[in-house]
Amino acid sequence: MRARRRERGAAALEMLGVAPLIVFAALVALQFGVAGWTVVSTAEAAKNAARAASLGQDPRAAADGALPGAMDATTVVGGRTDDGYRYSVTVPVPTVLPFSVGSVTRTVDMPDIR
């Protein structure tokens, strides 16, 4: 009976030692998901900016409107090319970890549709 109690205490200590690693691994996995979401959202924002420019609308407003509430474009740059419009959008990756993980830039070419 005593051996069981000692083993139960040892298991609790082992779990206490492993729990921070499990939490950290879960946060890293979540951060990878957020980074992927940022890549997809930034590409959509660049596409909307180029489309808006080709229609004579404000590309910055279109890019900001395409991004989810947790994301803001730091730069929206571009303009006319020979056969359309090219726009690049840069968005910082939202973080769930205590350090910055960088930003994402996507560039899109849109033919002139006017």
PDB file of N, CA and C in Angstrom:
ATOM      1  N   MET A   1       0.818  -1.187   0.000  1.00  0.00           N
ATOM      2  CA  MET A   1       0.000   0.000   0.000  1.00  0.00           C
ATOM      3  C   MET A   1       0.868   1.259   0.000  1.00  0.00           C
ATOM      4  N   ARG A   2       1.941   1.249   0.796  1.00  0.00           N
ATOM      5  CA  ARG A   2       2.836   2.406   0.832  1.00  0.00           C
ATOM      6  C   ARG A   2       3.508   2.635  -0.513  1.00  0.00           C
ATOM      7  N   ALA A   3       3.853   1.571  -1.184  1.00  0.00           N
ATOM      8  CA  ALA A   3       4.516   1.705  -2.485  1.00  0.00           C
ATOM      9  C   ALA A   3       3.616   2.436  -3.474  1.00  0.00           C
ATOM     10  N   ARG A   4       2.338   2.152  -3.428  1.00  0.00           N
ATOM     11  CA  ARG A   4       1.407   2.836  -4.321  1.00  0.00           C
ATOM     12  C   ARG A   4       1.364   4.333  -4.041  1.00  0.00           C
ATOM     13  N   ARG A   5       1.311   4.712  -2.777  1.00  0.00           N
ATOM     14  CA  ARG A   5       1.273   6.131  -2.421  1.00  0.00           C
ATOM     15  C   ARG A   5       2.534   6.837  -2.897  1.00  0.00           C
ATOM     16  N   ARG A   6       3.674   6.202  -2.718  1.00  0.00           N
ATOM     17  CA  ARG A   6       4.920   6.818  -3.176  1.00  0.00           C
ATOM     18  C   ARG A   6       4.936   6.946  -4.700  1.00  0.00           C
ATOM     19  N   GLU A   7       4.421   5.955  -5.392  1.00  0.00           N
ATOM     20  CA  GLU A   7       4.368   6.021  -6.858  1.00  0.00           C
ATOM     21  C   GLU A   7       3.411   7.108  -7.315  1.00  0.00           C
ATOM     22  N   ARG A   8       2.308   7.262  -6.606  1.00  0.00           N
ATOM     23  CA  ARG A   8       1.355   8.302  -6.969  1.00  0.00           C
ATOM     24  C   ARG A   8       2.005   9.675  -6.804  1.00  0.00           C
ATOM     25  N   GLY A   9       2.753   9.872  -5.786  1.00  0.00           N
ATOM     26  CA  GLY A   9       3.459  11.127  -5.586  1.00  0.00           C
ATOM     27  C   GLY A   9       4.526  11.349  -6.644  1.00  0.00           C
ATOM     28  N   ALA A  10       5.202  10.285  -7.025  1.00  0.00           N
ATOM     29  CA  ALA A  10       6.223  10.393  -8.069  1.00  0.00           C
ATOM     30  C   ALA A  10       5.584  10.730  -9.410  1.00  0.00           C
ATOM     31  N   ALA A  11       4.441  10.149  -9.692  1.00  0.00           N
ATOM     32  CA  ALA A  11       3.744  10.444 -10.946  1.00  0.00           C
ATOM     33  C   ALA A  11       3.298  11.907 -10.979  1.00  0.00           C
ATOM     34  N   ALA A  12       2.851  12.399  -9.838  1.00  0.00           N
ATOM     35  CA  ALA A  12       2.434  13.802  -9.781  1.00  0.00           C
ATOM     36  C   ALA A  12       3.620  14.732 -10.028  1.00  0.00           C
ATOM     37  N   LEU A  13       4.763  14.402  -9.464  1.00  0.00           N
ATOM     38  CA  LEU A  13       5.960  15.211  -9.696  1.00  0.00           C
ATOM     39  C   LEU A  13       6.402  15.143 -11.154  1.00  0.00           C
ATOM     40  N   GLU A  14       6.322  13.967 -11.761  1.00  0.00           N
ATOM     41  CA  GLU A  14       6.684  13.842 -13.175  1.00  0.00           C
ATOM     42  C   GLU A  14       5.745  14.680 -14.038  1.00  0.00           C
ATOM     43  N   MET A  15       4.449  14.624 -13.722  1.00  0.00           N
ATOM     44  CA  MET A  15       3.477  15.414 -14.480  1.00  0.00           C
ATOM     45  C   MET A  15       3.748  16.907 -14.309  1.00  0.00           C
ATOM     46  N   LEU A  16       4.091  17.297 -13.107  1.00  0.00           N
ATOM     47  CA  LEU A  16       4.411  18.698 -12.842  1.00  0.00           C
ATOM     48  C   LEU A  16       5.633  19.141 -13.651  1.00  0.00           C
ATOM     49  N   GLY A  17       6.569  18.261 -13.848  1.00  0.00           N
ATOM     50  CA  GLY A  17       7.760  18.596 -14.636  1.00  0.00           C
ATOM     51  C   GLY A  17       7.492  18.637 -16.130  1.00  0.00           C
ATOM     52  N   VAL A  18       6.557  17.812 -16.596  1.00  0.00           N
ATOM     53  CA  VAL A  18       6.270  17.721 -18.031  1.00  0.00           C
ATOM     54  C   VAL A  18       5.218  18.741 -18.469  1.00  0.00           C
ATOM     55  N   ALA A  19       4.355  19.183 -17.574  1.00  0.00           N
ATOM     56  CA  ALA A  19       3.263  20.090 -17.929  1.00  0.00           C
ATOM     57  C   ALA A  19       3.739  21.364 -18.629  1.00  0.00           C
ATOM     58  N   PRO A  20       4.798  22.041 -18.162  1.00  0.00           N
ATOM     59  CA  PRO A  20       5.238  23.244 -18.889  1.00  0.00           C
ATOM     60  C   PRO A  20       5.681  22.947 -20.326  1.00  0.00           C
ATOM     61  N   LEU A  21       6.284  21.796 -20.541  1.00  0.00           N
ATOM     62  CA  LEU A  21       6.689  21.428 -21.902  1.00  0.00           C
ATOM     63  C   LEU A  21       5.476  21.207 -22.798  1.00  0.00           C
ATOM     64  N   ILE A  22       4.447  20.604 -22.249  1.00  0.00           N
ATOM     65  CA  ILE A  22       3.224  20.373 -23.022  1.00  0.00           C
ATOM     66  C   ILE A  22       2.554  21.705 -23.360  1.00  0.00           C
ATOM     67  N   VAL A  23       2.486  22.607 -22.401  1.00  0.00           N
ATOM     68  CA  VAL A  23       1.894  23.924 -22.646  1.00  0.00           C
ATOM     69  C   VAL A  23       2.705  24.694 -23.689  1.00  0.00           C
ATOM     70  N   PHE A  24       4.019  24.661 -23.577  1.00  0.00           N
ATOM     71  CA  PHE A  24       4.867  25.351 -24.553  1.00  0.00           C
ATOM     72  C   PHE A  24       4.686  24.762 -25.953  1.00  0.00           C
ATOM     73  N   ALA A  25       4.621  23.445 -26.067  1.00  0.00           N
ATOM     74  CA  ALA A  25       4.413  22.800 -27.372  1.00  0.00           C
ATOM     75  C   ALA A  25       3.064  23.206 -27.964  1.00  0.00           C
ATOM     76  N   ALA A  26       2.043  23.305 -27.123  1.00  0.00           N
ATOM     77  CA  ALA A  26       0.731  23.729 -27.607  1.00  0.00           C
ATOM     78  C   ALA A  26       0.770  25.181 -28.098  1.00  0.00           C
ATOM     79  N   LEU A  27       1.482  26.047 -27.382  1.00  0.00           N
ATOM     80  CA  LEU A  27       1.599  27.446 -27.810  1.00  0.00           C
ATOM     81  C   LEU A  27       2.374  27.567 -29.119  1.00  0.00           C
ATOM     82  N   VAL A  28       3.404  26.775 -29.295  1.00  0.00           N
ATOM     83  CA  VAL A  28       4.166  26.792 -30.547  1.00  0.00           C
ATOM     84  C   VAL A  28       3.283  26.325 -31.702  1.00  0.00           C
ATOM     85  N   ALA A  29       2.505  25.277 -31.486  1.00  0.00           N
ATOM     86  CA  ALA A  29       1.593  24.798 -32.528  1.00  0.00           C
ATOM     87  C   ALA A  29       0.557  25.867 -32.867  1.00  0.00           C
ATOM     88  N   LEU A  30       0.036  26.532 -31.853  1.00  0.00           N
ATOM     89  CA  LEU A  30      -0.917  27.613 -32.082  1.00  0.00           C
ATOM     90  C   LEU A  30      -0.270  28.754 -32.863  1.00  0.00           C
ATOM     91  N   GLN A  31       0.990  29.069 -32.554  1.00  0.00           N
ATOM     92  CA  GLN A  31       1.694  30.144 -33.263  1.00  0.00           C
ATOM     93  C   GLN A  31       1.882  29.797 -34.739  1.00  0.00           C
ATOM     94  N   PHE A  32       2.176  28.532 -35.042  1.00  0.00           N
ATOM     95  CA  PHE A  32       2.279  28.121 -36.437  1.00  0.00           C
ATOM     96  C   PHE A  32       0.942  28.303 -37.153  1.00  0.00           C
ATOM     97  N   GLY A  33      -0.152  27.991 -36.480  1.00  0.00           N
ATOM     98  CA  GLY A  33      -1.471  28.198 -37.070  1.00  0.00           C
ATOM     99  C   GLY A  33      -1.754  29.667 -37.327  1.00  0.00           C
ATOM    100  N   VAL A  34      -1.408  30.518 -36.385  1.00  0.00           N
ATOM    101  CA  VAL A  34      -1.603  31.968 -36.545  1.00  0.00           C
ATOM    102  C   VAL A  34      -0.745  32.492 -37.697  1.00  0.00           C
ATOM    103  N   ALA A  35       0.469  31.992 -37.817  1.00  0.00           N
ATOM    104  CA  ALA A  35       1.352  32.420 -38.913  1.00  0.00           C
ATOM    105  C   ALA A  35       0.757  32.011 -40.265  1.00  0.00           C
ATOM    106  N   GLY A  36       0.227  30.816 -40.359  1.00  0.00           N
ATOM    107  CA  GLY A  36      -0.419  30.380 -41.598  1.00  0.00           C
ATOM    108  C   GLY A  36      -1.629  31.224 -41.944  1.00  0.00           C
ATOM    109  N   TRP A  37      -2.417  31.547 -40.925  1.00  0.00           N
ATOM    110  CA  TRP A  37      -3.585  32.401 -41.108  1.00  0.00           C
ATOM    111  C   TRP A  37      -3.151  33.772 -41.609  1.00  0.00           C
ATOM    112  N   THR A  38      -2.036  34.271 -41.108  1.00  0.00           N
ATOM    113  CA  THR A  38      -1.525  35.572 -41.535  1.00  0.00           C
ATOM    114  C   THR A  38      -1.081  35.539 -42.995  1.00  0.00           C
ATOM    115  N   VAL A  39      -0.440  34.455 -43.412  1.00  0.00           N
ATOM    116  CA  VAL A  39      -0.004  34.331 -44.811  1.00  0.00           C
ATOM    117  C   VAL A  39      -1.212  34.376 -45.744  1.00  0.00           C
ATOM    118  N   VAL A  40      -2.242  33.605 -45.433  1.00  0.00           N
ATOM    119  CA  VAL A  40      -3.438  33.564 -46.279  1.00  0.00           C
ATOM    120  C   VAL A  40      -4.140  34.925 -46.288  1.00  0.00           C
ATOM    121  N   SER A  41      -4.276  35.538 -45.124  1.00  0.00           N
ATOM    122  CA  SER A  41      -4.959  36.832 -45.029  1.00  0.00           C
ATOM    123  C   SER A  41      -4.188  37.935 -45.751  1.00  0.00           C
ATOM    124  N   THR A  42      -2.858  37.894 -45.683  1.00  0.00           N
ATOM    125  CA  THR A  42      -2.041  38.905 -46.350  1.00  0.00           C
ATOM    126  C   THR A  42      -2.144  38.769 -47.865  1.00  0.00           C
ATOM    127  N   ALA A  43      -2.170  37.541 -48.356  1.00  0.00           N
ATOM    128  CA  ALA A  43      -2.342  37.326 -49.799  1.00  0.00           C
ATOM    129  C   ALA A  43      -3.691  37.857 -50.268  1.00  0.00           C
ATOM    130  N   GLU A  44      -4.724  37.636 -49.483  1.00  0.00           N
ATOM    131  CA  GLU A  44      -6.052  38.141 -49.831  1.00  0.00           C
ATOM    132  C   GLU A  44      -6.079  39.669 -49.811  1.00  0.00           C
ATOM    133  N   ALA A  45      -5.403  40.267 -48.840  1.00  0.00           N
ATOM    134  CA  ALA A  45      -5.351  41.728 -48.758  1.00  0.00           C
ATOM    135  C   ALA A  45      -4.611  42.312 -49.960  1.00  0.00           C
ATOM    136  N   ALA A  46      -3.520  41.676 -50.381  1.00  0.00           N
ATOM    137  CA  ALA A  46      -2.777  42.158 -51.560  1.00  0.00           C
ATOM    138  C   ALA A  46      -3.632  42.043 -52.816  1.00  0.00           C
ATOM    139  N   LYS A  47      -4.368  40.959 -52.929  1.00  0.00           N
ATOM    140  CA  LYS A  47      -5.247  40.779 -54.086  1.00  0.00           C
ATOM    141  C   LYS A  47      -6.334  41.855 -54.103  1.00  0.00           C
ATOM    142  N   ASN A  48      -6.908  42.138 -52.946  1.00  0.00           N
ATOM    143  CA  ASN A  48      -7.947  43.177 -52.881  1.00  0.00           C
ATOM    144  C   ASN A  48      -7.386  44.556 -53.168  1.00  0.00           C
ATOM    145  N   ALA A  49      -6.158  44.837 -52.731  1.00  0.00           N
ATOM    146  CA  ALA A  49      -5.539  46.132 -53.006  1.00  0.00           C
ATOM    147  C   ALA A  49      -5.315  46.303 -54.502  1.00  0.00           C
ATOM    148  N   ALA A  50      -4.792  45.277 -55.155  1.00  0.00           N
ATOM    149  CA  ALA A  50      -4.549  45.363 -56.598  1.00  0.00           C
ATOM    150  C   ALA A  50      -5.856  45.476 -57.369  1.00  0.00           C
ATOM    151  N   ARG A  51      -6.874  44.737 -56.953  1.00  0.00           N
ATOM    152  CA  ARG A  51      -8.171  44.811 -57.616  1.00  0.00           C
ATOM    153  C   ARG A  51      -8.770  46.210 -57.452  1.00  0.00           C
ATOM    154  N   ALA A  52      -8.685  46.767 -56.253  1.00  0.00           N
ATOM    155  CA  ALA A  52      -9.229  48.108 -56.023  1.00  0.00           C
ATOM    156  C   ALA A  52      -8.518  49.139 -56.886  1.00  0.00           C
ATOM    157  N   ALA A  53      -7.196  49.028 -56.985  1.00  0.00           N
ATOM    158  CA  ALA A  53      -6.445  49.970 -57.819  1.00  0.00           C
ATOM    159  C   ALA A  53      -6.866  49.851 -59.274  1.00  0.00           C
ATOM    160  N   SER A  54      -7.099  48.630 -59.744  1.00  0.00           N
ATOM    161  CA  SER A  54      -7.496  48.443 -61.138  1.00  0.00           C
ATOM    162  C   SER A  54      -8.890  49.000 -61.410  1.00  0.00           C
ATOM    163  N   LEU A  55      -9.689  49.137 -60.358  1.00  0.00           N
ATOM    164  CA  LEU A  55     -11.032  49.707 -60.507  1.00  0.00           C
ATOM    165  C   LEU A  55     -11.083  51.188 -60.149  1.00  0.00           C
ATOM    166  N   GLY A  56      -9.917  51.780 -59.852  1.00  0.00           N
ATOM    167  CA  GLY A  56      -9.857  53.195 -59.525  1.00  0.00           C
ATOM    168  C   GLY A  56     -10.254  53.516 -58.094  1.00  0.00           C
ATOM    169  N   GLN A  57     -10.209  52.531 -57.209  1.00  0.00           N
ATOM    170  CA  GLN A  57     -10.569  52.733 -55.799  1.00  0.00           C
ATOM    171  C   GLN A  57      -9.308  52.800 -54.950  1.00  0.00           C
ATOM    172  N   ASP A  58      -9.489  53.017 -53.643  1.00  0.00           N
ATOM    173  CA  ASP A  58      -8.375  53.158 -52.707  1.00  0.00           C
ATOM    174  C   ASP A  58      -7.804  51.790 -52.332  1.00  0.00           C
ATOM    175  N   PRO A  59      -6.564  51.488 -52.754  1.00  0.00           N
ATOM    176  CA  PRO A  59      -5.987  50.177 -52.444  1.00  0.00           C
ATOM    177  C   PRO A  59      -5.730  49.962 -50.950  1.00  0.00           C
ATOM    178  N   ARG A  60      -5.354  51.022 -50.234  1.00  0.00           N
ATOM    179  CA  ARG A  60      -5.087  50.881 -48.789  1.00  0.00           C
ATOM    180  C   ARG A  60      -6.356  50.472 -48.047  1.00  0.00           C
ATOM    181  N   ALA A  61      -7.462  51.120 -48.365  1.00  0.00           N
ATOM    182  CA  ALA A  61      -8.732  50.794 -47.720  1.00  0.00           C
ATOM    183  C   ALA A  61      -9.166  49.371 -48.053  1.00  0.00           C
ATOM    184  N   ALA A  62      -8.935  48.949 -49.299  1.00  0.00           N
ATOM    185  CA  ALA A  62      -9.303  47.594 -49.690  1.00  0.00           C
ATOM    186  C   ALA A  62      -8.470  46.559 -48.949  1.00  0.00           C
ATOM    187  N   ALA A  63      -7.167  46.824 -48.795  1.00  0.00           N
ATOM    188  CA  ALA A  63      -6.298  45.891 -48.066  1.00  0.00           C
ATOM    189  C   ALA A  63      -6.692  45.817 -46.601  1.00  0.00           C
ATOM    190  N   ASP A  64      -6.928  46.962 -45.979  1.00  0.00           N
ATOM    191  CA  ASP A  64      -7.332  46.975 -44.568  1.00  0.00           C
ATOM    192  C   ASP A  64      -8.675  46.286 -44.372  1.00  0.00           C
ATOM    193  N   GLY A  65      -9.579  46.461 -45.317  1.00  0.00           N
ATOM    194  CA  GLY A  65     -10.896  45.831 -45.216  1.00  0.00           C
ATOM    195  C   GLY A  65     -10.847  44.320 -45.369  1.00  0.00           C
ATOM    196  N   ALA A  66      -9.833  43.814 -46.061  1.00  0.00           N
ATOM    197  CA  ALA A  66      -9.718  42.372 -46.274  1.00  0.00           C
ATOM    198  C   ALA A  66      -9.085  41.649 -45.093  1.00  0.00           C
ATOM    199  N   LEU A  67      -8.412  42.394 -44.219  1.00  0.00           N
ATOM    200  CA  LEU A  67      -7.730  41.764 -43.093  1.00  0.00           C
ATOM    201  C   LEU A  67      -8.664  41.582 -41.908  1.00  0.00           C
ATOM    202  N   PRO A  68      -8.526  40.464 -41.188  1.00  0.00           N
ATOM    203  CA  PRO A  68      -9.320  40.274 -39.968  1.00  0.00           C
ATOM    204  C   PRO A  68      -8.971  41.338 -38.927  1.00  0.00           C
ATOM    205  N   GLY A  69      -9.806  41.511 -37.934  1.00  0.00           N
ATOM    206  CA  GLY A  69      -9.628  42.549 -36.925  1.00  0.00           C
ATOM    207  C   GLY A  69      -8.325  42.464 -36.161  1.00  0.00           C
ATOM    208  N   ALA A  70      -7.744  41.275 -36.036  1.00  0.00           N
ATOM    209  CA  ALA A  70      -6.505  41.121 -35.271  1.00  0.00           C
ATOM    210  C   ALA A  70      -5.275  41.535 -36.065  1.00  0.00           C
ATOM    211  N   MET A  71      -5.446  41.862 -37.336  1.00  0.00           N
ATOM    212  CA  MET A  71      -4.295  42.179 -38.192  1.00  0.00           C
ATOM    213  C   MET A  71      -4.446  43.565 -38.802  1.00  0.00           C
ATOM    214  N   ASP A  72      -3.303  44.245 -38.940  1.00  0.00           N
ATOM    215  CA  ASP A  72      -3.246  45.547 -39.588  1.00  0.00           C
ATOM    216  C   ASP A  72      -2.064  45.558 -40.548  1.00  0.00           C
ATOM    217  N   ALA A  73      -2.283  46.083 -41.744  1.00  0.00           N
ATOM    218  CA  ALA A  73      -1.202  46.191 -42.718  1.00  0.00           C
ATOM    219  C   ALA A  73      -0.263  47.314 -42.311  1.00  0.00           C
ATOM    220  N   THR A  74       1.026  47.009 -42.269  1.00  0.00           N
ATOM    221  CA  THR A  74       1.994  48.070 -41.979  1.00  0.00           C
ATOM    222  C   THR A  74       2.353  48.818 -43.246  1.00  0.00           C
ATOM    223  N   THR A  75       2.415  48.113 -44.364  1.00  0.00           N
ATOM    224  CA  THR A  75       2.675  48.790 -45.638  1.00  0.00           C
ATOM    225  C   THR A  75       1.774  48.219 -46.727  1.00  0.00           C
ATOM    226  N   VAL A  76       1.304  49.108 -47.586  1.00  0.00           N
ATOM    227  CA  VAL A  76       0.578  48.748 -48.802  1.00  0.00           C
ATOM    228  C   VAL A  76       1.224  49.595 -49.885  1.00  0.00           C
ATOM    229  N   VAL A  77       2.041  48.966 -50.718  1.00  0.00           N
ATOM    230  CA  VAL A  77       2.750  49.708 -51.761  1.00  0.00           C
ATOM    231  C   VAL A  77       2.517  49.054 -53.108  1.00  0.00           C
ATOM    232  N   GLY A  78       2.537  49.871 -54.133  1.00  0.00           N
ATOM    233  CA  GLY A  78       2.380  49.339 -55.477  1.00  0.00           C
ATOM    234  C   GLY A  78       1.960  50.427 -56.425  1.00  0.00           C
ATOM    235  N   GLY A  79       1.546  49.985 -57.585  1.00  0.00           N
ATOM    236  CA  GLY A  79       1.105  50.934 -58.593  1.00  0.00           C
ATOM    237  C   GLY A  79       0.933  50.257 -59.930  1.00  0.00           C
ATOM    238  N   ARG A  80       0.868  51.083 -60.942  1.00  0.00           N
ATOM    239  CA  ARG A  80       0.637  50.623 -62.308  1.00  0.00           C
ATOM    240  C   ARG A  80       1.874  49.947 -62.870  1.00  0.00           C
ATOM    241  N   THR A  81       1.649  48.861 -63.593  1.00  0.00           N
ATOM    242  CA  THR A  81       2.703  48.200 -64.361  1.00  0.00           C
ATOM    243  C   THR A  81       2.319  48.296 -65.838  1.00  0.00           C
ATOM    244  N   ASP A  82       3.072  47.631 -66.695  1.00  0.00           N
ATOM    245  CA  ASP A  82       2.783  47.700 -68.127  1.00  0.00           C
ATOM    246  C   ASP A  82       1.385  47.202 -68.483  1.00  0.00           C
ATOM    247  N   ASP A  83       0.965  46.122 -67.839  1.00  0.00           N
ATOM    248  CA  ASP A  83      -0.312  45.513 -68.215  1.00  0.00           C
ATOM    249  C   ASP A  83      -1.320  45.433 -67.077  1.00  0.00           C
ATOM    250  N   GLY A  84      -1.100  46.168 -66.004  1.00  0.00           N
ATOM    251  CA  GLY A  84      -2.045  46.116 -64.892  1.00  0.00           C
ATOM    252  C   GLY A  84      -1.520  46.825 -63.659  1.00  0.00           C
ATOM    253  N   TYR A  85      -1.686  46.163 -62.512  1.00  0.00           N
ATOM    254  CA  TYR A  85      -1.284  46.741 -61.230  1.00  0.00           C
ATOM    255  C   TYR A  85      -0.565  45.689 -60.401  1.00  0.00           C
ATOM    256  N   ARG A  86       0.431  46.125 -59.667  1.00  0.00           N
ATOM    257  CA  ARG A  86       1.164  45.247 -58.751  1.00  0.00           C
ATOM    258  C   ARG A  86       1.147  45.912 -57.381  1.00  0.00           C
ATOM    259  N   TYR A  87       0.682  45.150 -56.367  1.00  0.00           N
ATOM    260  CA  TYR A  87       0.648  45.660 -54.994  1.00  0.00           C
ATOM    261  C   TYR A  87       1.249  44.639 -54.047  1.00  0.00           C
ATOM    262  N   SER A  88       1.988  45.165 -53.070  1.00  0.00           N
ATOM    263  CA  SER A  88       2.563  44.363 -51.999  1.00  0.00           C
ATOM    264  C   SER A  88       1.998  44.840 -50.669  1.00  0.00           C
ATOM    265  N   VAL A  89       1.639  43.888 -49.823  1.00  0.00           N
ATOM    266  CA  VAL A  89       1.096  44.184 -48.504  1.00  0.00           C
ATOM    267  C   VAL A  89       1.961  43.469 -47.473  1.00  0.00           C
ATOM    268  N   THR A  90       2.320  44.174 -46.404  1.00  0.00           N
ATOM    269  CA  THR A  90       3.092  43.595 -45.303  1.00  0.00           C
ATOM    270  C   THR A  90       2.262  43.670 -44.030  1.00  0.00           C
ATOM    271  N   VAL A  91       2.190  42.528 -43.342  1.00  0.00           N
ATOM    272  CA  VAL A  91       1.410  42.415 -42.110  1.00  0.00           C
ATOM    273  C   VAL A  91       2.263  41.732 -41.053  1.00  0.00           C
ATOM    274  N   PRO A  92       2.387  42.307 -39.851  1.00  0.00           N
ATOM    275  CA  PRO A  92       3.096  41.605 -38.774  1.00  0.00           C
ATOM    276  C   PRO A  92       2.272  40.409 -38.296  1.00  0.00           C
ATOM    277  N   VAL A  93       2.953  39.322 -37.986  1.00  0.00           N
ATOM    278  CA  VAL A  93       2.272  38.119 -37.506  1.00  0.00           C
ATOM    279  C   VAL A  93       1.847  38.343 -36.054  1.00  0.00           C
ATOM    280  N   PRO A  94       0.542  38.218 -35.761  1.00  0.00           N
ATOM    281  CA  PRO A  94       0.126  38.299 -34.359  1.00  0.00           C
ATOM    282  C   PRO A  94       0.803  37.182 -33.563  1.00  0.00           C
ATOM    283  N   THR A  95       1.146  37.451 -32.322  1.00  0.00           N
ATOM    284  CA  THR A  95       1.911  36.477 -31.560  1.00  0.00           C
ATOM    285  C   THR A  95       1.167  36.010 -30.315  1.00  0.00           C
ATOM    286  N   VAL A  96       1.315  34.726 -30.026  1.00  0.00           N
ATOM    287  CA  VAL A  96       0.808  34.158 -28.778  1.00  0.00           C
ATOM    288  C   VAL A  96       1.980  33.828 -27.854  1.00  0.00           C
ATOM    289  N   LEU A  97       3.177  33.992 -28.375  1.00  0.00           N
ATOM    290  CA  LEU A  97       4.390  33.745 -27.602  1.00  0.00           C
ATOM    291  C   LEU A  97       4.955  35.082 -27.121  1.00  0.00           C
ATOM    292  N   PRO A  98       5.840  35.068 -26.138  1.00  0.00           N
ATOM    293  CA  PRO A  98       6.332  36.342 -25.585  1.00  0.00           C
ATOM    294  C   PRO A  98       7.407  37.031 -26.426  1.00  0.00           C
ATOM    295  N   PHE A  99       7.501  36.713 -27.708  1.00  0.00           N
ATOM    296  CA  PHE A  99       8.475  37.378 -28.573  1.00  0.00           C
ATOM    297  C   PHE A  99       7.890  37.516 -29.964  1.00  0.00           C
ATOM    298  N   SER A 100       8.423  38.460 -30.730  1.00  0.00           N
ATOM    299  CA  SER A 100       7.949  38.720 -32.083  1.00  0.00           C
ATOM    300  C   SER A 100       8.415  37.608 -33.030  1.00  0.00           C
ATOM    301  N   VAL A 101       7.557  37.272 -33.969  1.00  0.00           N
ATOM    302  CA  VAL A 101       7.915  36.236 -34.939  1.00  0.00           C
ATOM    303  C   VAL A 101       8.037  36.787 -36.357  1.00  0.00           C
ATOM    304  N   GLY A 102       7.987  38.116 -36.503  1.00  0.00           N
ATOM    305  CA  GLY A 102       8.228  38.724 -37.811  1.00  0.00           C
ATOM    306  C   GLY A 102       6.957  39.172 -38.503  1.00  0.00           C
ATOM    307  N   SER A 103       7.074  39.336 -39.817  1.00  0.00           N
ATOM    308  CA  SER A 103       5.943  39.796 -40.616  1.00  0.00           C
ATOM    309  C   SER A 103       5.897  39.025 -41.924  1.00  0.00           C
ATOM    310  N   VAL A 104       4.789  39.183 -42.632  1.00  0.00           N
ATOM    311  CA  VAL A 104       4.553  38.492 -43.897  1.00  0.00           C
ATOM    312  C   VAL A 104       4.327  39.539 -44.971  1.00  0.00           C
ATOM    313  N   THR A 105       4.953  39.366 -46.125  1.00  0.00           N
ATOM    314  CA  THR A 105       4.724  40.239 -47.280  1.00  0.00           C
ATOM    315  C   THR A 105       4.273  39.382 -48.453  1.00  0.00           C
ATOM    316  N   ARG A 106       3.211  39.809 -49.094  1.00  0.00           N
ATOM    317  CA  ARG A 106       2.715  39.125 -50.290  1.00  0.00           C
ATOM    318  C   ARG A 106       2.520  40.159 -51.390  1.00  0.00           C
ATOM    319  N   THR A 107       2.837  39.761 -52.621  1.00  0.00           N
ATOM    320  CA  THR A 107       2.723  40.633 -53.787  1.00  0.00           C
ATOM    321  C   THR A 107       1.792  39.983 -54.799  1.00  0.00           C
ATOM    322  N   VAL A 108       0.919  40.802 -55.389  1.00  0.00           N
ATOM    323  CA  VAL A 108      -0.049  40.300 -56.359  1.00  0.00           C
ATOM    324  C   VAL A 108      -0.031  41.195 -57.586  1.00  0.00           C
ATOM    325  N   ASP A 109      -0.111  40.579 -58.766  1.00  0.00           N
ATOM    326  CA  ASP A 109      -0.275  41.293 -60.037  1.00  0.00           C
ATOM    327  C   ASP A 109      -1.726  41.124 -60.485  1.00  0.00           C
ATOM    328  N   MET A 110      -2.343  42.235 -60.847  1.00  0.00           N
ATOM    329  CA  MET A 110      -3.735  42.218 -61.303  1.00  0.00           C
ATOM    330  C   MET A 110      -3.805  42.890 -62.656  1.00  0.00           C
ATOM    331  N   PRO A 111      -4.364  42.216 -63.656  1.00  0.00           N
ATOM    332  CA  PRO A 111      -4.485  42.877 -64.971  1.00  0.00           C
ATOM    333  C   PRO A 111      -5.454  44.047 -64.890  1.00  0.00           C
ATOM    334  N   ASP A 112      -5.263  45.012 -65.766  1.00  0.00           N
ATOM    335  CA  ASP A 112      -6.145  46.164 -65.815  1.00  0.00           C
ATOM    336  C   ASP A 112      -7.483  45.694 -66.379  1.00  0.00           C
ATOM    337  N   ILE A 113      -8.554  45.834 -65.595  1.00  0.00           N
ATOM    338  CA  ILE A 113      -9.858  45.321 -66.030  1.00  0.00           C
ATOM    339  C   ILE A 113     -10.843  46.414 -66.422  1.00  0.00           C
ATOM    340  N   ARG A 114     -10.331  47.631 -66.554  1.00  0.00           N
ATOM    341  CA  ARG A 114     -11.212  48.703 -67.001  1.00  0.00           C
ATOM    342  C   ARG A 114     -11.301  48.736 -68.487  1.00  0.00           C
TER     343      ARG A 114
END
